[in-house]
Amino acid sequence: MPEPITTMTASTIATLAFQEFVKSGAGELSKKFTAEAIAKMGQLRSEFVARMLTVSSSLKAQGRSVLDFLTQSCQASRLGTTPPTLIPMSDPTFSNERIILL
């Protein structure tokens, strides 16, 4: 999972590149493509934020560290191993009422 700052930076660079593409006089097709691409990036950004808020809320409700979870997720992705789960392991002290479903 990319870092949020990296994601925002990439999004900003892509937006500026699309704007320059349109300014270069590439025509109406480029304007339509650019508008659709920028709209899609906004949608993807919103989905990313929503998922991160869900992960954060779920982990906090379980008393788990968000940073540790994200670190383990990134490491698992790079190493090709099983990522951590948001669903808590069998813990007799954990109430099922606290599980937040995605």
PDB file of N, CA and C in Angstrom:
ATOM      1  N   MET A   1       0.851  -1.166   0.000  1.00  0.00           N
ATOM      2  CA  MET A   1       0.000   0.000   0.000  1.00  0.00           C
ATOM      3  C   MET A   1       0.900   1.234   0.000  1.00  0.00           C
ATOM      4  N   PRO A   2       0.719   2.148  -0.969  1.00  0.00           N
ATOM      5  CA  PRO A   2       1.558   3.336  -1.003  1.00  0.00           C
ATOM      6  C   PRO A   2       1.260   4.269   0.161  1.00  0.00           C
ATOM      7  N   GLU A   3       2.267   5.058   0.522  1.00  0.00           N
ATOM      8  CA  GLU A   3       2.078   6.022   1.600  1.00  0.00           C
ATOM      9  C   GLU A   3       1.117   7.110   1.133  1.00  0.00           C
ATOM     10  N   PRO A   4       0.289   7.647   2.051  1.00  0.00           N
ATOM     11  CA  PRO A   4      -0.672   8.685   1.658  1.00  0.00           C
ATOM     12  C   PRO A   4      -0.024   9.902   1.010  1.00  0.00           C
ATOM     13  N   ILE A   5       1.139  10.327   1.513  1.00  0.00           N
ATOM     14  CA  ILE A   5       1.806  11.505   0.945  1.00  0.00           C
ATOM     15  C   ILE A   5       2.254  11.204  -0.478  1.00  0.00           C
ATOM     16  N   THR A   6       2.771   9.986  -0.713  1.00  0.00           N
ATOM     17  CA  THR A   6       3.181   9.587  -2.056  1.00  0.00           C
ATOM     18  C   THR A   6       1.982   9.573  -2.988  1.00  0.00           C
ATOM     19  N   THR A   7       0.856   9.069  -2.508  1.00  0.00           N
ATOM     20  CA  THR A   7      -0.361   9.013  -3.311  1.00  0.00           C
ATOM     21  C   THR A   7      -0.833  10.414  -3.670  1.00  0.00           C
ATOM     22  N   MET A   8      -0.838  11.312  -2.693  1.00  0.00           N
ATOM     23  CA  MET A   8      -1.279  12.687  -2.955  1.00  0.00           C
ATOM     24  C   MET A   8      -0.328  13.392  -3.922  1.00  0.00           C
ATOM     25  N   THR A   9       0.974  13.170  -3.760  1.00  0.00           N
ATOM     26  CA  THR A   9       1.961  13.787  -4.642  1.00  0.00           C
ATOM     27  C   THR A   9       1.778  13.290  -6.070  1.00  0.00           C
ATOM     28  N   ALA A  10       1.616  11.985  -6.224  1.00  0.00           N
ATOM     29  CA  ALA A  10       1.419  11.411  -7.558  1.00  0.00           C
ATOM     30  C   ALA A  10       0.149  11.956  -8.196  1.00  0.00           C
ATOM     31  N   SER A  11      -0.888  12.096  -7.398  1.00  0.00           N
ATOM     32  CA  SER A  11      -2.152  12.631  -7.901  1.00  0.00           C
ATOM     33  C   SER A  11      -1.982  14.066  -8.382  1.00  0.00           C
ATOM     34  N   THR A  12      -1.267  14.866  -7.618  1.00  0.00           N
ATOM     35  CA  THR A  12      -1.034  16.266  -7.992  1.00  0.00           C
ATOM     36  C   THR A  12      -0.209  16.356  -9.272  1.00  0.00           C
ATOM     37  N   ILE A  13       0.833  15.544  -9.364  1.00  0.00           N
ATOM     38  CA  ILE A  13       1.676  15.544 -10.564  1.00  0.00           C
ATOM     39  C   ILE A  13       0.861  15.128 -11.786  1.00  0.00           C
ATOM     40  N   ALA A  14       0.040  14.088 -11.628  1.00  0.00           N
ATOM     41  CA  ALA A  14      -0.791  13.626 -12.747  1.00  0.00           C
ATOM     42  C   ALA A  14      -1.768  14.711 -13.180  1.00  0.00           C
ATOM     43  N   THR A  15      -2.368  15.391 -12.221  1.00  0.00           N
ATOM     44  CA  THR A  15      -3.305  16.469 -12.549  1.00  0.00           C
ATOM     45  C   THR A  15      -2.604  17.571 -13.336  1.00  0.00           C
ATOM     46  N   LEU A  16      -1.420  17.975 -12.879  1.00  0.00           N
ATOM     47  CA  LEU A  16      -0.667  19.015 -13.588  1.00  0.00           C
ATOM     48  C   LEU A  16      -0.262  18.556 -14.985  1.00  0.00           C
ATOM     49  N   ALA A  17       0.136  17.295 -15.112  1.00  0.00           N
ATOM     50  CA  ALA A  17       0.517  16.763 -16.424  1.00  0.00           C
ATOM     51  C   ALA A  17      -0.668  16.777 -17.382  1.00  0.00           C
ATOM     52  N   PHE A  18      -1.838  16.379 -16.890  1.00  0.00           N
ATOM     53  CA  PHE A  18      -3.037  16.400 -17.731  1.00  0.00           C
ATOM     54  C   PHE A  18      -3.376  17.825 -18.158  1.00  0.00           C
ATOM     55  N   GLN A  19      -3.233  18.775 -17.245  1.00  0.00           N
ATOM     56  CA  GLN A  19      -3.533  20.167 -17.583  1.00  0.00           C
ATOM     57  C   GLN A  19      -2.580  20.678 -18.665  1.00  0.00           C
ATOM     58  N   GLU A  20      -1.309  20.313 -18.571  1.00  0.00           N
ATOM     59  CA  GLU A  20      -0.333  20.714 -19.590  1.00  0.00           C
ATOM     60  C   GLU A  20      -0.644  20.049 -20.926  1.00  0.00           C
ATOM     61  N   PHE A  21      -1.114  18.810 -20.872  1.00  0.00           N
ATOM     62  CA  PHE A  21      -1.496  18.075 -22.077  1.00  0.00           C
ATOM     63  C   PHE A  21      -2.606  18.822 -22.811  1.00  0.00           C
ATOM     64  N   VAL A  22      -3.588  19.293 -22.062  1.00  0.00           N
ATOM     65  CA  VAL A  22      -4.699  20.035 -22.662  1.00  0.00           C
ATOM     66  C   VAL A  22      -4.200  21.365 -23.228  1.00  0.00           C
ATOM     67  N   LYS A  23      -3.328  22.057 -22.482  1.00  0.00           N
ATOM     68  CA  LYS A  23      -2.804  23.351 -22.932  1.00  0.00           C
ATOM     69  C   LYS A  23      -2.011  23.224 -24.231  1.00  0.00           C
ATOM     70  N   SER A  24      -1.428  22.057 -24.456  1.00  0.00           N
ATOM     71  CA  SER A  24      -0.586  21.879 -25.637  1.00  0.00           C
ATOM     72  C   SER A  24      -1.392  21.851 -26.930  1.00  0.00           C
ATOM     73  N   GLY A  25      -2.712  21.913 -26.809  1.00  0.00           N
ATOM     74  CA  GLY A  25      -3.549  21.960 -28.002  1.00  0.00           C
ATOM     75  C   GLY A  25      -3.825  20.589 -28.584  1.00  0.00           C
ATOM     76  N   ALA A  26      -3.936  19.600 -27.742  1.00  0.00           N
ATOM     77  CA  ALA A  26      -4.148  18.235 -28.214  1.00  0.00           C
ATOM     78  C   ALA A  26      -5.573  17.995 -28.692  1.00  0.00           C
ATOM     79  N   GLY A  27      -6.461  18.963 -28.540  1.00  0.00           N
ATOM     80  CA  GLY A  27      -7.797  18.834 -29.088  1.00  0.00           C
ATOM     81  C   GLY A  27      -8.849  18.445 -28.082  1.00  0.00           C
ATOM     82  N   GLU A  28     -10.080  18.325 -28.607  1.00  0.00           N
ATOM     83  CA  GLU A  28     -11.242  18.021 -27.761  1.00  0.00           C
ATOM     84  C   GLU A  28     -11.159  16.642 -27.125  1.00  0.00           C
ATOM     85  N   LEU A  29     -10.621  15.674 -27.863  1.00  0.00           N
ATOM     86  CA  LEU A  29     -10.512  14.319 -27.315  1.00  0.00           C
ATOM     87  C   LEU A  29      -9.640  14.319 -26.066  1.00  0.00           C
ATOM     88  N   SER A  30      -8.549  15.075 -26.108  1.00  0.00           N
ATOM     89  CA  SER A  30      -7.670  15.127 -24.939  1.00  0.00           C
ATOM     90  C   SER A  30      -8.364  15.799 -23.759  1.00  0.00           C
ATOM     91  N   LYS A  31      -9.187  16.809 -24.044  1.00  0.00           N
ATOM     92  CA  LYS A  31      -9.910  17.484 -22.966  1.00  0.00           C
ATOM     93  C   LYS A  31     -10.891  16.529 -22.296  1.00  0.00           C
ATOM     94  N   LYS A  32     -11.590  15.735 -23.116  1.00  0.00           N
ATOM     95  CA  LYS A  32     -12.540  14.765 -22.563  1.00  0.00           C
ATOM     96  C   LYS A  32     -11.792  13.712 -21.746  1.00  0.00           C
ATOM     97  N   PHE A  33     -10.701  13.194 -22.310  1.00  0.00           N
ATOM     98  CA  PHE A  33      -9.902  12.189 -21.610  1.00  0.00           C
ATOM     99  C   PHE A  33      -9.375  12.745 -20.298  1.00  0.00           C
ATOM    100  N   THR A  34      -8.865  13.967 -20.331  1.00  0.00           N
ATOM    101  CA  THR A  34      -8.305  14.593 -19.140  1.00  0.00           C
ATOM    102  C   THR A  34      -9.359  14.763 -18.058  1.00  0.00           C
ATOM    103  N   ALA A  35     -10.524  15.249 -18.429  1.00  0.00           N
ATOM    104  CA  ALA A  35     -11.597  15.454 -17.451  1.00  0.00           C
ATOM    105  C   ALA A  35     -12.010  14.128 -16.822  1.00  0.00           C
ATOM    106  N   GLU A  36     -12.130  13.085 -17.642  1.00  0.00           N
ATOM    107  CA  GLU A  36     -12.516  11.769 -17.123  1.00  0.00           C
ATOM    108  C   GLU A  36     -11.427  11.194 -16.216  1.00  0.00           C
ATOM    109  N   ALA A  37     -10.170  11.363 -16.608  1.00  0.00           N
ATOM    110  CA  ALA A  37      -9.063  10.840 -15.802  1.00  0.00           C
ATOM    111  C   ALA A  37      -8.977  11.555 -14.457  1.00  0.00           C
ATOM    112  N   ILE A  38      -9.147  12.862 -14.460  1.00  0.00           N
ATOM    113  CA  ILE A  38      -9.106  13.618 -13.203  1.00  0.00           C
ATOM    114  C   ILE A  38     -10.269  13.215 -12.307  1.00  0.00           C
ATOM    115  N   ALA A  39     -11.446  13.013 -12.890  1.00  0.00           N
ATOM    116  CA  ALA A  39     -12.604  12.571 -12.103  1.00  0.00           C
ATOM    117  C   ALA A  39     -12.343  11.193 -11.504  1.00  0.00           C
ATOM    118  N   LYS A  40     -11.733  10.304 -12.278  1.00  0.00           N
ATOM    119  CA  LYS A  40     -11.436   8.954 -11.790  1.00  0.00           C
ATOM    120  C   LYS A  40     -10.416   9.018 -10.652  1.00  0.00           C
ATOM    121  N   MET A  41      -9.415   9.890 -10.773  1.00  0.00           N
ATOM    122  CA  MET A  41      -8.429  10.024  -9.701  1.00  0.00           C
ATOM    123  C   MET A  41      -9.094  10.504  -8.424  1.00  0.00           C
ATOM    124  N   GLY A  42     -10.040  11.429  -8.544  1.00  0.00           N
ATOM    125  CA  GLY A  42     -10.773  11.899  -7.366  1.00  0.00           C
ATOM    126  C   GLY A  42     -11.558  10.775  -6.720  1.00  0.00           C
ATOM    127  N   GLN A  43     -12.177   9.941  -7.554  1.00  0.00           N
ATOM    128  CA  GLN A  43     -12.939   8.799  -7.039  1.00  0.00           C
ATOM    129  C   GLN A  43     -12.012   7.811  -6.329  1.00  0.00           C
ATOM    130  N   LEU A  44     -10.862   7.508  -6.941  1.00  0.00           N
ATOM    131  CA  LEU A  44      -9.912   6.582  -6.321  1.00  0.00           C
ATOM    132  C   LEU A  44      -9.370   7.146  -5.011  1.00  0.00           C
ATOM    133  N   ARG A  45      -9.118   8.450  -4.987  1.00  0.00           N
ATOM    134  CA  ARG A  45      -8.636   9.096  -3.762  1.00  0.00           C
ATOM    135  C   ARG A  45      -9.682   8.970  -2.657  1.00  0.00           C
ATOM    136  N   SER A  46     -10.945   9.184  -2.993  1.00  0.00           N
ATOM    137  CA  SER A  46     -12.032   9.064  -2.010  1.00  0.00           C
ATOM    138  C   SER A  46     -12.148   7.644  -1.477  1.00  0.00           C
ATOM    139  N   GLU A  47     -12.021   6.657  -2.367  1.00  0.00           N
ATOM    140  CA  GLU A  47     -12.081   5.257  -1.942  1.00  0.00           C
ATOM    141  C   GLU A  47     -10.915   4.921  -1.016  1.00  0.00           C
ATOM    142  N   PHE A  48      -9.723   5.433  -1.343  1.00  0.00           N
ATOM    143  CA  PHE A  48      -8.546   5.189  -0.514  1.00  0.00           C
ATOM    144  C   PHE A  48      -8.752   5.763   0.887  1.00  0.00           C
ATOM    145  N   VAL A  49      -9.232   6.992   0.955  1.00  0.00           N
ATOM    146  CA  VAL A  49      -9.462   7.637   2.253  1.00  0.00           C
ATOM    147  C   VAL A  49     -10.518   6.875   3.048  1.00  0.00           C
ATOM    148  N   ALA A  50     -11.594   6.462   2.397  1.00  0.00           N
ATOM    149  CA  ALA A  50     -12.652   5.716   3.085  1.00  0.00           C
ATOM    150  C   ALA A  50     -12.120   4.398   3.644  1.00  0.00           C
ATOM    151  N   ARG A  51     -11.316   3.707   2.862  1.00  0.00           N
ATOM    152  CA  ARG A  51     -10.757   2.432   3.333  1.00  0.00           C
ATOM    153  C   ARG A  51      -9.799   2.639   4.500  1.00  0.00           C
ATOM    154  N   MET A  52      -8.984   3.699   4.408  1.00  0.00           N
ATOM    155  CA  MET A  52      -8.042   3.964   5.496  1.00  0.00           C
ATOM    156  C   MET A  52      -8.778   4.340   6.777  1.00  0.00           C
ATOM    157  N   LEU A  53      -9.860   5.085   6.657  1.00  0.00           N
ATOM    158  CA  LEU A  53     -10.648   5.432   7.844  1.00  0.00           C
ATOM    159  C   LEU A  53     -11.288   4.186   8.452  1.00  0.00           C
ATOM    160  N   THR A  54     -11.748   3.271   7.608  1.00  0.00           N
ATOM    161  CA  THR A  54     -12.329   2.022   8.099  1.00  0.00           C
ATOM    162  C   THR A  54     -11.280   1.186   8.816  1.00  0.00           C
ATOM    163  N   VAL A  55     -10.107   1.066   8.213  1.00  0.00           N
ATOM    164  CA  VAL A  55      -9.014   0.305   8.833  1.00  0.00           C
ATOM    165  C   VAL A  55      -8.652   0.927  10.173  1.00  0.00           C
ATOM    166  N   SER A  56      -8.480   2.232  10.187  1.00  0.00           N
ATOM    167  CA  SER A  56      -8.107   2.934  11.410  1.00  0.00           C
ATOM    168  C   SER A  56      -9.156   2.744  12.505  1.00  0.00           C
ATOM    169  N   SER A  57     -10.423   2.906  12.153  1.00  0.00           N
ATOM    170  CA  SER A  57     -11.506   2.743  13.135  1.00  0.00           C
ATOM    171  C   SER A  57     -11.557   1.324  13.683  1.00  0.00           C
ATOM    172  N   SER A  58     -11.426   0.348  12.787  1.00  0.00           N
ATOM    173  CA  SER A  58     -11.473  -1.056  13.210  1.00  0.00           C
ATOM    174  C   SER A  58     -10.329  -1.386  14.162  1.00  0.00           C
ATOM    175  N   LEU A  59      -9.133  -0.937  13.807  1.00  0.00           N
ATOM    176  CA  LEU A  59      -7.970  -1.235  14.646  1.00  0.00           C
ATOM    177  C   LEU A  59      -8.057  -0.532  15.996  1.00  0.00           C
ATOM    178  N   LYS A  60      -8.488   0.710  15.996  1.00  0.00           N
ATOM    179  CA  LYS A  60      -8.616   1.439  17.263  1.00  0.00           C
ATOM    180  C   LYS A  60      -9.656   0.796  18.164  1.00  0.00           C
ATOM    181  N   ALA A  61     -10.756   0.301  17.581  1.00  0.00           N
ATOM    182  CA  ALA A  61     -11.791  -0.376  18.370  1.00  0.00           C
ATOM    183  C   ALA A  61     -11.252  -1.657  19.003  1.00  0.00           C
ATOM    184  N   GLN A  62     -10.255  -2.252  18.356  1.00  0.00           N
ATOM    185  CA  GLN A  62      -9.645  -3.479  18.867  1.00  0.00           C
ATOM    186  C   GLN A  62      -8.440  -3.195  19.759  1.00  0.00           C
ATOM    187  N   GLY A  63      -8.085  -1.920  19.900  1.00  0.00           N
ATOM    188  CA  GLY A  63      -6.930  -1.563  20.720  1.00  0.00           C
ATOM    189  C   GLY A  63      -5.609  -1.904  20.050  1.00  0.00           C
ATOM    190  N   ARG A  64      -5.602  -1.944  18.721  1.00  0.00           N
ATOM    191  CA  ARG A  64      -4.396  -2.295  17.966  1.00  0.00           C
ATOM    192  C   ARG A  64      -3.785  -1.044  17.341  1.00  0.00           C
ATOM    193  N   SER A  65      -2.500  -1.111  17.061  1.00  0.00           N
ATOM    194  CA  SER A  65      -1.776   0.017  16.484  1.00  0.00           C
ATOM    195  C   SER A  65      -1.994   0.091  14.970  1.00  0.00           C
ATOM    196  N   VAL A  66      -2.419   1.256  14.504  1.00  0.00           N
ATOM    197  CA  VAL A  66      -2.616   1.466  13.068  1.00  0.00           C
ATOM    198  C   VAL A  66      -1.270   1.412  12.352  1.00  0.00           C
ATOM    199  N   LEU A  67      -0.260   2.059  12.925  1.00  0.00           N
ATOM    200  CA  LEU A  67       1.065   2.076  12.308  1.00  0.00           C
ATOM    201  C   LEU A  67       1.630   0.664  12.183  1.00  0.00           C
ATOM    202  N   ASP A  68       1.516  -0.140  13.241  1.00  0.00           N
ATOM    203  CA  ASP A  68       2.017  -1.518  13.181  1.00  0.00           C
ATOM    204  C   ASP A  68       1.296  -2.313  12.098  1.00  0.00           C
ATOM    205  N   PHE A  69      -0.022  -2.150  12.014  1.00  0.00           N
ATOM    206  CA  PHE A  69      -0.813  -2.877  11.016  1.00  0.00           C
ATOM    207  C   PHE A  69      -0.382  -2.493   9.599  1.00  0.00           C
ATOM    208  N   LEU A  70      -0.234  -1.189   9.346  1.00  0.00           N
ATOM    209  CA  LEU A  70       0.159  -0.737   8.013  1.00  0.00           C
ATOM    210  C   LEU A  70       1.581  -1.172   7.673  1.00  0.00           C
ATOM    211  N   THR A  71       2.464  -1.133   8.667  1.00  0.00           N
ATOM    212  CA  THR A  71       3.837  -1.590   8.457  1.00  0.00           C
ATOM    213  C   THR A  71       3.853  -3.069   8.097  1.00  0.00           C
ATOM    214  N   GLN A  72       3.110  -3.878   8.852  1.00  0.00           N
ATOM    215  CA  GLN A  72       3.042  -5.316   8.573  1.00  0.00           C
ATOM    216  C   GLN A  72       2.416  -5.581   7.205  1.00  0.00           C
ATOM    217  N   SER A  73       1.429  -4.784   6.832  1.00  0.00           N
ATOM    218  CA  SER A  73       0.781  -4.942   5.520  1.00  0.00           C
ATOM    219  C   SER A  73       1.765  -4.668   4.386  1.00  0.00           C
ATOM    220  N   CYS A  74       2.535  -3.601   4.524  1.00  0.00           N
ATOM    221  CA  CYS A  74       3.526  -3.248   3.500  1.00  0.00           C
ATOM    222  C   CYS A  74       4.616  -4.308   3.403  1.00  0.00           C
ATOM    223  N   GLN A  75       5.080  -4.775   4.559  1.00  0.00           N
ATOM    224  CA  GLN A  75       6.113  -5.809   4.566  1.00  0.00           C
ATOM    225  C   GLN A  75       5.602  -7.089   3.917  1.00  0.00           C
ATOM    226  N   ALA A  76       4.385  -7.477   4.226  1.00  0.00           N
ATOM    227  CA  ALA A  76       3.803  -8.691   3.648  1.00  0.00           C
ATOM    228  C   ALA A  76       3.675  -8.554   2.131  1.00  0.00           C
ATOM    229  N   SER A  77       3.295  -7.369   1.673  1.00  0.00           N
ATOM    230  CA  SER A  77       3.160  -7.139   0.234  1.00  0.00           C
ATOM    231  C   SER A  77       4.505  -7.274  -0.466  1.00  0.00           C
ATOM    232  N   ARG A  78       5.531  -6.709   0.118  1.00  0.00           N
ATOM    233  CA  ARG A  78       6.866  -6.769  -0.489  1.00  0.00           C
ATOM    234  C   ARG A  78       7.473  -8.164  -0.446  1.00  0.00           C
ATOM    235  N   LEU A  79       7.195  -8.895   0.632  1.00  0.00           N
ATOM    236  CA  LEU A  79       7.784 -10.223   0.804  1.00  0.00           C
ATOM    237  C   LEU A  79       6.924 -11.336   0.214  1.00  0.00           C
ATOM    238  N   GLY A  80       5.707 -10.992  -0.187  1.00  0.00           N
ATOM    239  CA  GLY A  80       4.804 -11.999  -0.731  1.00  0.00           C
ATOM    240  C   GLY A  80       4.260 -12.944   0.323  1.00  0.00           C
ATOM    241  N   THR A  81       4.161 -12.466   1.556  1.00  0.00           N
ATOM    242  CA  THR A  81       3.639 -13.291   2.645  1.00  0.00           C
ATOM    243  C   THR A  81       2.200 -12.882   2.958  1.00  0.00           C
ATOM    244  N   THR A  82       1.581 -13.615   3.859  1.00  0.00           N
ATOM    245  CA  THR A  82       0.198 -13.343   4.234  1.00  0.00           C
ATOM    246  C   THR A  82       0.117 -12.030   5.017  1.00  0.00           C
ATOM    247  N   PRO A  83      -0.743 -11.119   4.587  1.00  0.00           N
ATOM    248  CA  PRO A  83      -0.869  -9.844   5.305  1.00  0.00           C
ATOM    249  C   PRO A  83      -1.648 -10.018   6.603  1.00  0.00           C
ATOM    250  N   PRO A  84      -1.543  -9.060   7.505  1.00  0.00           N
ATOM    251  CA  PRO A  84      -2.324  -9.138   8.746  1.00  0.00           C
ATOM    252  C   PRO A  84      -3.809  -8.987   8.429  1.00  0.00           C
ATOM    253  N   THR A  85      -4.634  -9.384   9.354  1.00  0.00           N
ATOM    254  CA  THR A  85      -6.077  -9.315   9.150  1.00  0.00           C
ATOM    255  C   THR A  85      -6.703  -8.294  10.088  1.00  0.00           C
ATOM    256  N   LEU A  86      -7.794  -7.706   9.642  1.00  0.00           N
ATOM    257  CA  LEU A  86      -8.539  -6.790  10.509  1.00  0.00           C
ATOM    258  C   LEU A  86      -9.412  -7.561  11.487  1.00  0.00           C
ATOM    259  N   ILE A  87      -9.691  -8.818  11.149  1.00  0.00           N
ATOM    260  CA  ILE A  87     -10.509  -9.649  12.027  1.00  0.00           C
ATOM    261  C   ILE A  87      -9.607 -10.167  13.135  1.00  0.00           C
ATOM    262  N   PRO A  88      -9.955  -9.902  14.384  1.00  0.00           N
ATOM    263  CA  PRO A  88      -9.086 -10.315  15.488  1.00  0.00           C
ATOM    264  C   PRO A  88      -9.024 -11.831  15.621  1.00  0.00           C
ATOM    265  N   MET A  89      -7.888 -12.309  16.110  1.00  0.00           N
ATOM    266  CA  MET A  89      -7.731 -13.735  16.383  1.00  0.00           C
ATOM    267  C   MET A  89      -8.667 -14.119  17.516  1.00  0.00           C
ATOM    268  N   SER A  90      -8.855 -15.396  17.708  1.00  0.00           N
ATOM    269  CA  SER A  90      -9.713 -15.866  18.804  1.00  0.00           C
ATOM    270  C   SER A  90      -9.153 -15.369  20.119  1.00  0.00           C
ATOM    271  N   ASP A  91      -9.862 -14.454  20.695  1.00  0.00           N
ATOM    272  CA  ASP A  91      -9.459 -13.862  21.968  1.00  0.00           C
ATOM    273  C   ASP A  91     -10.687 -13.869  22.867  1.00  0.00           C
ATOM    274  N   PRO A  92     -10.659 -14.658  23.937  1.00  0.00           N
ATOM    275  CA  PRO A  92     -11.838 -14.758  24.788  1.00  0.00           C
ATOM    276  C   PRO A  92     -12.249 -13.433  25.422  1.00  0.00           C
ATOM    277  N   THR A  93     -11.334 -12.467  25.481  1.00  0.00           N
ATOM    278  CA  THR A  93     -11.667 -11.179  26.081  1.00  0.00           C
ATOM    279  C   THR A  93     -12.250 -10.212  25.061  1.00  0.00           C
ATOM    280  N   PHE A  94     -12.259 -10.611  23.793  1.00  0.00           N
ATOM    281  CA  PHE A  94     -12.736  -9.724  22.737  1.00  0.00           C
ATOM    282  C   PHE A  94     -14.193 -10.016  22.438  1.00  0.00           C
ATOM    283  N   SER A  95     -15.006  -8.988  22.443  1.00  0.00           N
ATOM    284  CA  SER A  95     -16.432  -9.128  22.170  1.00  0.00           C
ATOM    285  C   SER A  95     -16.686  -8.993  20.672  1.00  0.00           C
ATOM    286  N   ASN A  96     -17.495  -9.886  20.115  1.00  0.00           N
ATOM    287  CA  ASN A  96     -17.830  -9.818  18.695  1.00  0.00           C
ATOM    288  C   ASN A  96     -18.574  -8.537  18.347  1.00  0.00           C
ATOM    289  N   GLU A  97     -19.158  -7.882  19.315  1.00  0.00           N
ATOM    290  CA  GLU A  97     -19.896  -6.652  19.064  1.00  0.00           C
ATOM    291  C   GLU A  97     -18.973  -5.523  18.615  1.00  0.00           C
ATOM    292  N   ARG A  98     -17.682  -5.645  18.857  1.00  0.00           N
ATOM    293  CA  ARG A  98     -16.744  -4.582  18.534  1.00  0.00           C
ATOM    294  C   ARG A  98     -16.191  -4.688  17.113  1.00  0.00           C
ATOM    295  N   ILE A  99     -16.483  -5.759  16.400  1.00  0.00           N
ATOM    296  CA  ILE A  99     -15.964  -5.921  15.049  1.00  0.00           C
ATOM    297  C   ILE A  99     -16.688  -4.954  14.118  1.00  0.00           C
ATOM    298  N   ILE A 100     -15.910  -4.208  13.360  1.00  0.00           N
ATOM    299  CA  ILE A 100     -16.475  -3.283  12.385  1.00  0.00           C
ATOM    300  C   ILE A 100     -16.265  -3.905  11.014  1.00  0.00           C
ATOM    301  N   LEU A 101     -17.346  -4.186  10.318  1.00  0.00           N
ATOM    302  CA  LEU A 101     -17.259  -4.819   9.009  1.00  0.00           C
ATOM    303  C   LEU A 101     -16.982  -3.781   7.944  1.00  0.00           C
ATOM    304  N   LEU A 102     -16.246  -4.188   6.916  1.00  0.00           N
ATOM    305  CA  LEU A 102     -15.936  -3.296   5.792  1.00  0.00           C
ATOM    306  C   LEU A 102     -17.085  -3.239   4.834  1.00  0.00           C
TER     307      LEU A 102
END
